Amino acid sequence: MTDTGVGKSSIVWRFVEDSFDPNINPTIGASFMTKTVQYQNELHKFLIWDTAGQERFRALAPMYYRGSAAAIIVYDITKEETFSTLKNWVKELRQHGPPNIVVAIAGNKCDLIDVREVMERDAKDYADSIHAVFVETSAKNAININELFIEISRRIPSTDANPPSGGKGFKLRRQPSEPKRSCC
């Protein structure tokens, strides 16, 4: 989720396919990808909706984060305005998203440190203030991409956990041969 050009699709491609395309086209609407990873003694299946960043597609975003266990909100460390916009996405998620959604903030393009506009400390402090995962990433250089998803895995409640009281929140189902987790 967030602005166009920050690297959402590149992060997803790097995670799922371990590749990077510097000429990737902007996402139209949304794309869907999956990846199953081993985390401790469980298999976690990430079901990833990569949403478009263009303003004309913003109204579609709730269709993708409703019912999600996690959301990754990406900003470009070289563009301060993308960090400001990120805060609006967080506000929307808190107001309209699932009550227990795990929020992760990814400061992408950390390989471009010499043109940084968003200080890592400021982003980390903000993430801490909203109890979000925070990771600076580079989809181009494969920096912290897997770590981002591992930290999300850590924070999503176990499929063995008791459901929250009052029937609110979400329940992740376990299949005998392959436990599933949903994300993004």
Protein backbone atom coordinates (compact mmCIF):
# COMPACT_ATOMS: atom_id res chain seq x y z
CA MET A 1 0.00 0.00 0.00
CA THR A 2 0.96 3.63 -0.59
CA ASP A 3 2.21 5.93 -3.36
CA THR A 4 3.22 4.95 -6.86
CA GLY A 5 6.93 4.47 -7.59
CA VAL A 6 8.04 3.59 -4.05
CA GLY A 7 8.86 -0.02 -4.94
CA LYS A 8 5.90 -2.07 -3.70
CA SER A 9 5.95 -4.37 -6.73
CA SER A 10 9.73 -4.62 -6.64
CA ILE A 11 9.63 -5.73 -3.01
CA VAL A 12 7.03 -8.39 -3.82
CA TRP A 13 8.98 -9.61 -6.89
CA ARG A 14 12.19 -9.75 -4.90
CA PHE A 15 10.49 -11.75 -2.14
CA VAL A 16 8.55 -14.15 -4.37
CA GLU A 17 10.83 -14.53 -7.40
CA ASP A 18 14.15 -13.23 -6.03
CA SER A 19 14.49 -10.93 -9.03
CA PHE A 20 14.53 -7.21 -9.77
CA ASP A 21 13.42 -5.41 -12.91
CA PRO A 22 14.45 -1.73 -13.05
CA ASN A 23 11.84 -1.17 -15.78
CA ILE A 24 8.87 -2.73 -14.00
CA ASN A 25 5.54 -1.26 -15.10
CA PRO A 26 3.22 0.41 -12.57
CA THR A 27 0.61 -1.95 -11.16
CA ILE A 28 -2.89 -1.51 -12.59
CA GLY A 29 -5.49 -2.23 -9.91
CA ALA A 30 -3.69 -5.02 -8.08
CA SER A 31 -1.69 -8.15 -8.68
CA PHE A 32 -1.66 -11.32 -6.59
CA MET A 33 1.29 -13.56 -5.72
CA THR A 34 1.98 -16.28 -3.18
CA LYS A 35 5.03 -17.68 -1.47
CA THR A 36 5.34 -20.37 1.17
CA VAL A 37 8.27 -20.11 3.57
CA GLN A 38 9.51 -22.14 6.51
CA TYR A 39 9.36 -20.23 9.78
CA GLN A 40 10.51 -22.16 12.82
CA ASN A 41 8.50 -25.41 12.67
CA GLU A 42 5.69 -24.10 10.49
CA LEU A 43 5.13 -23.36 6.84
CA HIS A 44 3.74 -19.87 6.32
CA LYS A 45 1.93 -19.18 3.08
CA PHE A 46 1.93 -15.49 2.19
CA LEU A 47 -1.00 -14.47 -0.01
CA ILE A 48 0.13 -11.07 -1.28
CA TRP A 49 -2.00 -8.41 -2.93
CA ASP A 50 0.25 -5.83 -4.57
CA THR A 51 -1.97 -2.77 -4.89
CA ALA A 52 -1.59 0.10 -7.34
CA GLY A 53 -0.24 3.35 -5.95
CA GLN A 54 -1.94 5.73 -8.35
CA GLU A 55 -4.60 7.91 -6.74
CA ARG A 56 -7.30 6.68 -9.14
CA PHE A 57 -6.99 3.18 -7.62
CA ARG A 58 -7.01 4.29 -3.97
CA ALA A 59 -10.70 3.50 -3.50
CA LEU A 60 -9.96 -0.16 -4.29
CA ALA A 61 -7.49 -0.59 -1.42
CA PRO A 62 -10.06 -1.63 1.24
CA MET A 63 -11.00 -4.67 -0.87
CA TYR A 64 -7.46 -5.94 -0.46
CA TYR A 65 -6.71 -5.17 3.19
CA ARG A 66 -10.09 -6.26 4.57
CA GLY A 67 -9.57 -9.65 6.17
CA SER A 68 -5.79 -9.44 5.89
CA ALA A 69 -3.55 -10.54 8.72
CA ALA A 70 -0.88 -7.99 7.75
CA ALA A 71 -0.25 -4.95 5.58
CA ILE A 72 3.06 -3.59 4.37
CA ILE A 73 3.09 0.15 3.81
CA VAL A 74 6.04 1.22 1.70
CA TYR A 75 7.68 4.61 1.34
CA ASP A 76 10.71 5.75 -0.65
CA ILE A 77 13.53 6.96 1.64
CA THR A 78 14.53 9.47 -1.06
CA LYS A 79 11.10 11.18 -1.13
CA GLU A 80 9.83 12.81 2.05
CA GLU A 81 6.30 13.19 0.66
CA THR A 82 5.92 9.40 0.43
CA PHE A 83 6.62 9.13 4.17
CA SER A 84 3.99 11.80 4.87
CA THR A 85 1.45 9.92 2.71
CA LEU A 86 2.28 6.69 4.55
CA LYS A 87 0.80 8.19 7.73
CA ASN A 88 -2.54 8.65 5.95
CA TRP A 89 -2.49 4.97 4.92
CA VAL A 90 -1.80 3.96 8.52
CA LYS A 91 -4.72 6.09 9.69
CA GLU A 92 -7.01 4.49 7.09
CA LEU A 93 -5.90 0.98 8.07
CA ARG A 94 -6.49 1.70 11.76
CA GLN A 95 -9.97 3.09 11.03
CA HIS A 96 -11.19 0.62 8.41
CA GLY A 97 -8.90 -2.42 8.49
CA PRO A 98 -9.10 -5.53 10.65
CA PRO A 99 -8.62 -4.69 14.35
CA ASN A 100 -5.60 -6.96 14.84
CA ILE A 101 -3.84 -6.34 11.53
CA VAL A 102 -0.05 -6.42 11.71
CA VAL A 103 1.29 -3.23 10.16
CA ALA A 104 4.77 -3.21 8.65
CA ILE A 105 6.49 -0.09 7.39
CA ALA A 106 9.17 -0.57 4.74
CA GLY A 107 11.50 2.29 3.86
CA ASN A 108 12.53 1.16 0.39
CA LYS A 109 15.54 2.16 -1.72
CA CYS A 110 17.99 2.15 1.19
CA ASP A 111 20.73 1.60 -1.41
CA LEU A 112 20.28 5.29 -2.33
CA ILE A 113 21.56 6.54 1.01
CA ASP A 114 23.33 9.56 -0.53
CA VAL A 115 19.99 11.06 -1.63
CA ARG A 116 18.04 10.12 1.51
CA GLU A 117 15.27 12.55 2.55
CA VAL A 118 13.68 10.46 5.33
CA MET A 119 15.93 9.81 8.29
CA GLU A 120 15.86 6.20 9.48
CA ARG A 121 15.50 7.30 13.13
CA ASP A 122 12.38 9.37 12.32
CA ALA A 123 10.75 6.46 10.51
CA LYS A 124 11.69 4.01 13.28
CA ASP A 125 10.31 6.32 15.96
CA TYR A 126 7.05 6.65 14.05
CA ALA A 127 6.78 2.88 13.55
CA ASP A 128 7.43 2.31 17.25
CA SER A 129 4.74 4.85 18.16
CA ILE A 130 2.12 2.85 16.23
CA HIS A 131 3.53 -0.59 17.20
CA ALA A 132 4.46 -1.41 13.61
CA VAL A 133 7.25 -3.51 12.17
CA PHE A 134 9.93 -1.27 10.69
CA VAL A 135 12.55 -2.30 8.13
CA GLU A 136 14.57 -0.36 5.59
CA THR A 137 14.79 -2.35 2.38
CA SER A 138 16.34 -2.36 -1.05
CA ALA A 139 14.46 -4.48 -3.56
CA LYS A 140 17.22 -3.71 -6.06
CA ASN A 141 20.02 -5.09 -3.86
CA ALA A 142 17.92 -7.65 -1.94
CA ILE A 143 18.49 -5.92 1.41
CA ASN A 144 16.13 -6.88 4.27
CA ILE A 145 13.38 -8.21 2.01
CA ASN A 146 13.19 -11.64 3.65
CA GLU A 147 13.70 -10.05 7.07
CA LEU A 148 10.58 -7.94 6.50
CA PHE A 149 8.45 -11.02 5.92
CA ILE A 150 10.09 -12.96 8.76
CA GLU A 151 9.22 -10.17 11.18
CA ILE A 152 5.62 -10.23 9.93
CA SER A 153 5.58 -14.01 10.52
CA ARG A 154 6.75 -13.43 14.08
CA ARG A 155 3.93 -11.00 14.79
CA ILE A 156 1.00 -12.84 13.22
CA PRO A 157 -0.68 -14.98 15.87
CA SER A 158 0.00 -18.69 15.62
CA THR A 159 -2.61 -20.83 13.93
CA ASP A 160 -2.76 -22.76 17.22
CA ALA A 161 -3.67 -19.68 19.24
CA ASN A 162 -7.08 -19.41 20.83
CA PRO A 163 -9.42 -17.08 18.93
CA PRO A 164 -9.82 -13.63 20.44
CA SER A 165 -12.72 -13.22 22.84
CA GLY A 166 -15.98 -11.89 21.45
CA GLY A 167 -15.43 -13.52 18.07
CA LYS A 168 -13.67 -10.45 16.67
CA GLY A 169 -10.41 -10.45 14.76
CA PHE A 170 -9.33 -13.17 12.39
CA LYS A 171 -8.67 -16.86 12.52
CA LEU A 172 -6.04 -18.52 10.43
CA ARG A 173 -6.82 -22.10 9.47
CA ARG A 174 -4.25 -24.87 9.49
CA GLN A 175 -4.28 -27.55 6.85
CA PRO A 176 -2.76 -30.83 8.04
CA SER A 177 0.15 -30.75 5.61
CA GLU A 178 0.64 -27.02 5.15
CA PRO A 179 -0.27 -24.33 7.71
CA LYS A 180 -1.32 -21.09 6.03
CA ARG A 181 -0.76 -17.48 6.87
CA SER A 182 -2.17 -14.60 4.89
CA CYS A 183 -0.47 -11.30 4.39
CA CYS A 184 -0.75 -8.04 2.56
